[in-house]
Amino acid sequence: MKPTKLTMAAVLGASLLAAAPAFADQDYRGHAYGHRGEYRQHDDRRVVVIRERPRLIERRVVFVHPAPVYRPAPVVYGPPAYGGVYYGAPAFGAVVGAVIGAYVGGQIASGR
């Protein structure tokens, strides 16, 4: 026999040997499936003692939230100023920056 077959036979034998205790209980399904098989009736008389447990009554905790207090929001800045504001200065700066960037980029590209 080849060593592979011998190894596989040894593994198979070891797994069957390890699973042998699982095959030992032949009536392991009897309890779960309603006692299929033989049914034994016991005539043992047992004394049943019934004790009432003390009942614990928990009281509900009632928490009343205080009424909300509304106040006006604080003024952080003034109202917007419409009309007299000139917004041409930022655009002028952007145009000047673009011209300077183009000039410097042209100087770098030409190698000067």
N, C-alpha and C. Protein backbone atom coordinates (compact mmCIF):
# COMPACT_ATOMS: atom_id res chain seq x y z
N MET A 1 0.84 -1.19 0.00
CA MET A 1 0.00 0.00 0.00
C MET A 1 0.88 1.24 0.00
N LYS A 2 0.35 2.28 -0.58
CA LYS A 2 1.08 3.53 -0.61
C LYS A 2 0.98 4.22 0.75
N PRO A 3 1.96 5.09 1.03
CA PRO A 3 1.90 5.80 2.32
C PRO A 3 0.65 6.68 2.46
N THR A 4 0.13 7.20 1.35
CA THR A 4 -1.08 8.03 1.41
C THR A 4 -2.27 7.21 1.88
N LYS A 5 -2.39 5.98 1.34
CA LYS A 5 -3.51 5.12 1.74
C LYS A 5 -3.38 4.71 3.19
N LEU A 6 -2.15 4.43 3.62
CA LEU A 6 -1.95 4.07 5.03
C LEU A 6 -2.30 5.25 5.96
N THR A 7 -1.93 6.45 5.54
CA THR A 7 -2.25 7.64 6.34
C THR A 7 -3.76 7.84 6.41
N MET A 8 -4.43 7.70 5.28
CA MET A 8 -5.88 7.88 5.26
C MET A 8 -6.58 6.81 6.09
N ALA A 9 -6.09 5.57 6.05
CA ALA A 9 -6.67 4.50 6.85
C ALA A 9 -6.46 4.77 8.33
N ALA A 10 -5.30 5.30 8.70
CA ALA A 10 -5.03 5.62 10.11
C ALA A 10 -5.93 6.76 10.59
N VAL A 11 -6.14 7.75 9.73
CA VAL A 11 -7.01 8.88 10.10
C VAL A 11 -8.45 8.40 10.23
N LEU A 12 -8.91 7.54 9.33
CA LEU A 12 -10.26 7.01 9.40
C LEU A 12 -10.46 6.18 10.66
N GLY A 13 -9.50 5.35 10.99
CA GLY A 13 -9.59 4.54 12.21
C GLY A 13 -9.59 5.39 13.46
N ALA A 14 -8.77 6.42 13.48
CA ALA A 14 -8.72 7.31 14.65
C ALA A 14 -10.02 8.07 14.81
N SER A 15 -10.62 8.52 13.69
CA SER A 15 -11.89 9.25 13.81
C SER A 15 -13.02 8.34 14.25
N LEU A 16 -13.05 7.10 13.78
CA LEU A 16 -14.07 6.16 14.26
C LEU A 16 -13.87 5.82 15.73
N LEU A 17 -12.63 5.70 16.14
CA LEU A 17 -12.35 5.42 17.55
C LEU A 17 -12.77 6.60 18.42
N ALA A 18 -12.57 7.81 17.93
CA ALA A 18 -12.97 8.99 18.70
C ALA A 18 -14.48 9.14 18.75
N ALA A 19 -15.20 8.67 17.70
CA ALA A 19 -16.65 8.80 17.65
C ALA A 19 -17.37 7.64 18.31
N ALA A 20 -16.67 6.63 18.79
CA ALA A 20 -17.29 5.45 19.38
C ALA A 20 -18.19 5.77 20.57
N PRO A 21 -17.85 6.68 21.47
CA PRO A 21 -18.76 6.97 22.57
C PRO A 21 -20.11 7.55 22.10
N ALA A 22 -20.13 8.20 20.97
CA ALA A 22 -21.39 8.74 20.46
C ALA A 22 -22.32 7.63 19.99
N PHE A 23 -21.76 6.51 19.54
CA PHE A 23 -22.58 5.40 19.08
C PHE A 23 -23.01 4.48 20.22
N ALA A 24 -22.50 4.70 21.41
CA ALA A 24 -22.78 3.78 22.51
C ALA A 24 -24.21 3.92 23.03
N ASP A 25 -24.78 5.13 23.03
CA ASP A 25 -26.13 5.35 23.55
C ASP A 25 -27.13 5.12 22.43
N GLN A 26 -27.85 3.99 22.49
CA GLN A 26 -28.75 3.66 21.39
C GLN A 26 -30.11 4.35 21.54
N ASP A 27 -30.46 4.81 22.73
CA ASP A 27 -31.78 5.39 22.94
C ASP A 27 -31.66 6.89 23.24
N TYR A 28 -30.74 7.55 22.58
CA TYR A 28 -30.54 8.96 22.90
C TYR A 28 -31.65 9.83 22.32
N ARG A 29 -32.42 9.35 21.34
CA ARG A 29 -33.50 10.14 20.77
C ARG A 29 -34.82 9.94 21.49
N GLY A 30 -34.89 9.00 22.37
CA GLY A 30 -36.16 8.69 23.03
C GLY A 30 -36.71 9.84 23.85
N HIS A 31 -35.86 10.63 24.45
CA HIS A 31 -36.33 11.72 25.28
C HIS A 31 -36.81 12.90 24.45
N ALA A 32 -36.22 13.10 23.30
CA ALA A 32 -36.55 14.27 22.51
C ALA A 32 -37.76 14.04 21.60
N TYR A 33 -38.05 12.80 21.23
CA TYR A 33 -39.09 12.54 20.26
C TYR A 33 -40.28 11.79 20.86
N GLY A 34 -40.57 11.98 22.12
CA GLY A 34 -41.77 11.41 22.71
C GLY A 34 -41.70 9.93 23.03
N HIS A 35 -40.59 9.41 23.41
CA HIS A 35 -40.41 8.03 23.86
C HIS A 35 -40.84 7.01 22.82
N ARG A 36 -40.28 7.08 21.62
CA ARG A 36 -40.54 6.02 20.64
C ARG A 36 -39.77 4.79 21.08
N GLY A 37 -40.28 3.74 21.14
CA GLY A 37 -39.60 2.57 21.66
C GLY A 37 -40.36 2.10 22.89
N GLU A 38 -39.69 1.49 23.80
CA GLU A 38 -40.41 0.98 24.98
C GLU A 38 -40.69 2.11 25.95
N TYR A 39 -41.85 2.01 26.59
CA TYR A 39 -42.27 3.02 27.54
C TYR A 39 -42.42 2.36 28.88
N ARG A 40 -41.75 2.88 29.86
CA ARG A 40 -41.82 2.31 31.21
C ARG A 40 -42.68 3.21 32.08
N GLN A 41 -43.63 2.59 32.77
CA GLN A 41 -44.49 3.35 33.66
C GLN A 41 -44.00 3.13 35.08
N HIS A 42 -43.76 4.24 35.78
CA HIS A 42 -43.27 4.16 37.14
C HIS A 42 -44.43 4.37 38.11
N ASP A 43 -44.45 3.56 39.15
CA ASP A 43 -45.49 3.69 40.17
C ASP A 43 -44.95 4.34 41.42
N ASP A 44 -43.93 5.12 41.30
CA ASP A 44 -43.37 5.78 42.48
C ASP A 44 -44.33 6.85 42.96
N ARG A 45 -44.64 6.78 44.25
CA ARG A 45 -45.49 7.82 44.86
C ARG A 45 -44.56 8.88 45.43
N ARG A 46 -44.77 10.09 45.00
CA ARG A 46 -43.91 11.17 45.47
C ARG A 46 -44.75 12.17 46.24
N VAL A 47 -44.12 12.72 47.25
CA VAL A 47 -44.78 13.75 48.03
C VAL A 47 -44.45 15.10 47.40
N VAL A 48 -45.48 15.85 47.07
CA VAL A 48 -45.29 17.15 46.45
C VAL A 48 -45.63 18.22 47.48
N VAL A 49 -44.67 19.09 47.74
CA VAL A 49 -44.87 20.18 48.68
C VAL A 49 -44.91 21.47 47.87
N ILE A 50 -46.01 22.20 48.04
CA ILE A 50 -46.16 23.46 47.31
C ILE A 50 -46.04 24.59 48.31
N ARG A 51 -45.04 25.43 48.07
CA ARG A 51 -44.86 26.61 48.93
C ARG A 51 -45.09 27.84 48.09
N GLU A 52 -45.84 28.77 48.64
CA GLU A 52 -46.06 30.02 47.93
C GLU A 52 -44.89 30.96 48.20
N ARG A 53 -44.41 31.56 47.13
CA ARG A 53 -43.31 32.50 47.30
C ARG A 53 -43.87 33.85 47.72
N PRO A 54 -43.10 34.58 48.51
CA PRO A 54 -43.58 35.92 48.85
C PRO A 54 -43.55 36.82 47.61
N ARG A 55 -44.59 37.59 47.44
CA ARG A 55 -44.69 38.46 46.27
C ARG A 55 -44.09 39.82 46.60
N LEU A 56 -43.19 40.24 45.75
CA LEU A 56 -42.57 41.54 45.93
C LEU A 56 -43.26 42.54 45.01
N ILE A 57 -43.74 43.59 45.60
CA ILE A 57 -44.41 44.63 44.83
C ILE A 57 -43.46 45.82 44.72
N GLU A 58 -43.09 46.12 43.50
CA GLU A 58 -42.20 47.26 43.30
C GLU A 58 -43.02 48.48 42.98
N ARG A 59 -42.71 49.56 43.63
CA ARG A 59 -43.42 50.81 43.39
C ARG A 59 -42.79 51.53 42.20
N ARG A 60 -43.62 52.16 41.40
CA ARG A 60 -43.12 52.91 40.26
C ARG A 60 -42.53 54.23 40.73
N VAL A 61 -41.43 54.60 40.14
CA VAL A 61 -40.80 55.86 40.46
C VAL A 61 -41.33 56.89 39.47
N VAL A 62 -41.95 57.93 40.00
CA VAL A 62 -42.52 58.97 39.15
C VAL A 62 -41.60 60.18 39.22
N PHE A 63 -41.11 60.62 38.07
CA PHE A 63 -40.23 61.77 38.01
C PHE A 63 -40.91 62.84 37.17
N VAL A 64 -41.05 64.01 37.72
CA VAL A 64 -41.71 65.10 37.02
C VAL A 64 -40.62 66.05 36.52
N HIS A 65 -40.60 66.27 35.21
CA HIS A 65 -39.63 67.18 34.62
C HIS A 65 -40.06 68.62 34.90
N PRO A 66 -39.13 69.50 35.21
CA PRO A 66 -39.50 70.89 35.39
C PRO A 66 -39.92 71.51 34.06
N ALA A 67 -40.75 72.54 34.15
CA ALA A 67 -41.24 73.20 32.94
C ALA A 67 -40.08 73.90 32.23
N PRO A 68 -40.05 73.85 30.90
CA PRO A 68 -38.94 74.50 30.17
C PRO A 68 -39.04 76.02 30.28
N VAL A 69 -37.89 76.64 30.32
CA VAL A 69 -37.81 78.10 30.39
C VAL A 69 -37.31 78.59 29.04
N TYR A 70 -38.13 79.38 28.38
CA TYR A 70 -37.76 79.90 27.07
C TYR A 70 -37.26 81.33 27.21
N ARG A 71 -36.14 81.63 26.57
CA ARG A 71 -35.60 82.99 26.57
C ARG A 71 -35.06 83.27 25.18
N PRO A 72 -34.97 84.52 24.83
CA PRO A 72 -34.50 84.84 23.48
C PRO A 72 -33.03 84.45 23.30
N ALA A 73 -32.68 84.12 22.07
CA ALA A 73 -31.31 83.72 21.77
C ALA A 73 -30.39 84.93 21.89
N PRO A 74 -29.15 84.72 22.36
CA PRO A 74 -28.24 85.85 22.48
C PRO A 74 -27.82 86.36 21.10
N VAL A 75 -27.62 87.67 21.01
CA VAL A 75 -27.20 88.29 19.75
C VAL A 75 -25.69 88.19 19.65
N VAL A 76 -25.19 87.49 18.66
CA VAL A 76 -23.76 87.29 18.50
C VAL A 76 -23.19 88.30 17.50
N TYR A 77 -23.96 88.65 16.51
CA TYR A 77 -23.51 89.59 15.49
C TYR A 77 -24.69 90.47 15.12
N GLY A 78 -24.38 91.56 14.46
CA GLY A 78 -25.42 92.51 14.08
C GLY A 78 -26.18 92.06 12.85
N PRO A 79 -27.21 92.80 12.50
CA PRO A 79 -27.98 92.44 11.30
C PRO A 79 -27.12 92.65 10.06
N PRO A 80 -27.42 91.92 8.97
CA PRO A 80 -26.62 92.07 7.76
C PRO A 80 -26.78 93.47 7.17
N ALA A 81 -25.69 93.98 6.61
CA ALA A 81 -25.71 95.32 6.02
C ALA A 81 -25.84 95.18 4.52
N TYR A 82 -26.96 95.60 3.98
CA TYR A 82 -27.19 95.53 2.55
C TYR A 82 -26.99 96.91 1.94
N GLY A 83 -26.46 96.98 0.77
CA GLY A 83 -26.41 98.24 0.05
C GLY A 83 -25.01 98.82 -0.09
N GLY A 84 -24.42 99.37 0.96
CA GLY A 84 -23.21 100.14 0.85
C GLY A 84 -21.93 99.34 0.81
N VAL A 85 -21.98 98.02 0.63
CA VAL A 85 -20.77 97.20 0.66
C VAL A 85 -20.30 96.98 -0.77
N TYR A 86 -19.00 97.18 -1.02
CA TYR A 86 -18.41 97.00 -2.34
C TYR A 86 -17.66 95.68 -2.35
N TYR A 87 -18.08 94.77 -3.22
CA TYR A 87 -17.45 93.46 -3.28
C TYR A 87 -16.47 93.34 -4.44
N GLY A 88 -16.01 94.41 -5.02
CA GLY A 88 -15.09 94.35 -6.14
C GLY A 88 -13.66 94.08 -5.72
N ALA A 89 -13.30 94.38 -4.48
CA ALA A 89 -11.92 94.21 -4.02
C ALA A 89 -11.48 92.74 -4.04
N PRO A 90 -12.26 91.77 -3.59
CA PRO A 90 -11.79 90.38 -3.66
C PRO A 90 -11.62 89.91 -5.10
N ALA A 91 -12.48 90.35 -6.01
CA ALA A 91 -12.34 89.94 -7.41
C ALA A 91 -11.09 90.55 -8.03
N PHE A 92 -10.79 91.78 -7.69
CA PHE A 92 -9.59 92.43 -8.20
C PHE A 92 -8.34 91.69 -7.71
N GLY A 93 -8.32 91.30 -6.46
CA GLY A 93 -7.18 90.55 -5.92
C GLY A 93 -7.01 89.21 -6.60
N ALA A 94 -8.13 88.53 -6.94
CA ALA A 94 -8.05 87.25 -7.62
C ALA A 94 -7.49 87.40 -9.03
N VAL A 95 -7.88 88.47 -9.72
CA VAL A 95 -7.37 88.71 -11.08
C VAL A 95 -5.89 89.02 -11.04
N VAL A 96 -5.46 89.86 -10.10
CA VAL A 96 -4.04 90.20 -9.98
C VAL A 96 -3.22 88.96 -9.62
N GLY A 97 -3.74 88.12 -8.72
CA GLY A 97 -3.04 86.88 -8.35
C GLY A 97 -2.91 85.93 -9.52
N ALA A 98 -3.94 85.84 -10.38
CA ALA A 98 -3.88 84.98 -11.55
C ALA A 98 -2.86 85.47 -12.55
N VAL A 99 -2.77 86.80 -12.74
CA VAL A 99 -1.79 87.36 -13.67
C VAL A 99 -0.37 87.10 -13.18
N ILE A 100 -0.14 87.31 -11.89
CA ILE A 100 1.20 87.07 -11.33
C ILE A 100 1.56 85.58 -11.43
N GLY A 101 0.60 84.70 -11.15
CA GLY A 101 0.86 83.26 -11.25
C GLY A 101 1.17 82.84 -12.66
N ALA A 102 0.47 83.41 -13.63
CA ALA A 102 0.74 83.07 -15.02
C ALA A 102 2.12 83.55 -15.45
N TYR A 103 2.52 84.73 -15.00
CA TYR A 103 3.84 85.26 -15.34
C TYR A 103 4.94 84.39 -14.74
N VAL A 104 4.81 84.05 -13.45
CA VAL A 104 5.83 83.22 -12.80
C VAL A 104 5.86 81.84 -13.44
N GLY A 105 4.70 81.26 -13.73
CA GLY A 105 4.67 79.94 -14.38
C GLY A 105 5.30 79.98 -15.75
N GLY A 106 5.09 81.06 -16.50
CA GLY A 106 5.72 81.19 -17.81
C GLY A 106 7.21 81.31 -17.70
N GLN A 107 7.73 82.02 -16.69
CA GLN A 107 9.16 82.16 -16.49
C GLN A 107 9.79 80.81 -16.15
N ILE A 108 9.10 80.03 -15.31
CA ILE A 108 9.64 78.71 -14.93
C ILE A 108 9.63 77.77 -16.13
N ALA A 109 8.55 77.81 -16.92
CA ALA A 109 8.44 76.91 -18.07
C ALA A 109 9.47 77.23 -19.15
N SER A 110 9.81 78.51 -19.31
CA SER A 110 10.78 78.86 -20.35
C SER A 110 12.22 78.69 -19.88
N GLY A 111 12.41 78.46 -18.59
CA GLY A 111 13.73 78.20 -18.06
C GLY A 111 14.51 79.46 -17.71
N ARG A 112 13.90 80.59 -17.59
CA ARG A 112 14.60 81.84 -17.27
C ARG A 112 14.79 82.03 -15.80
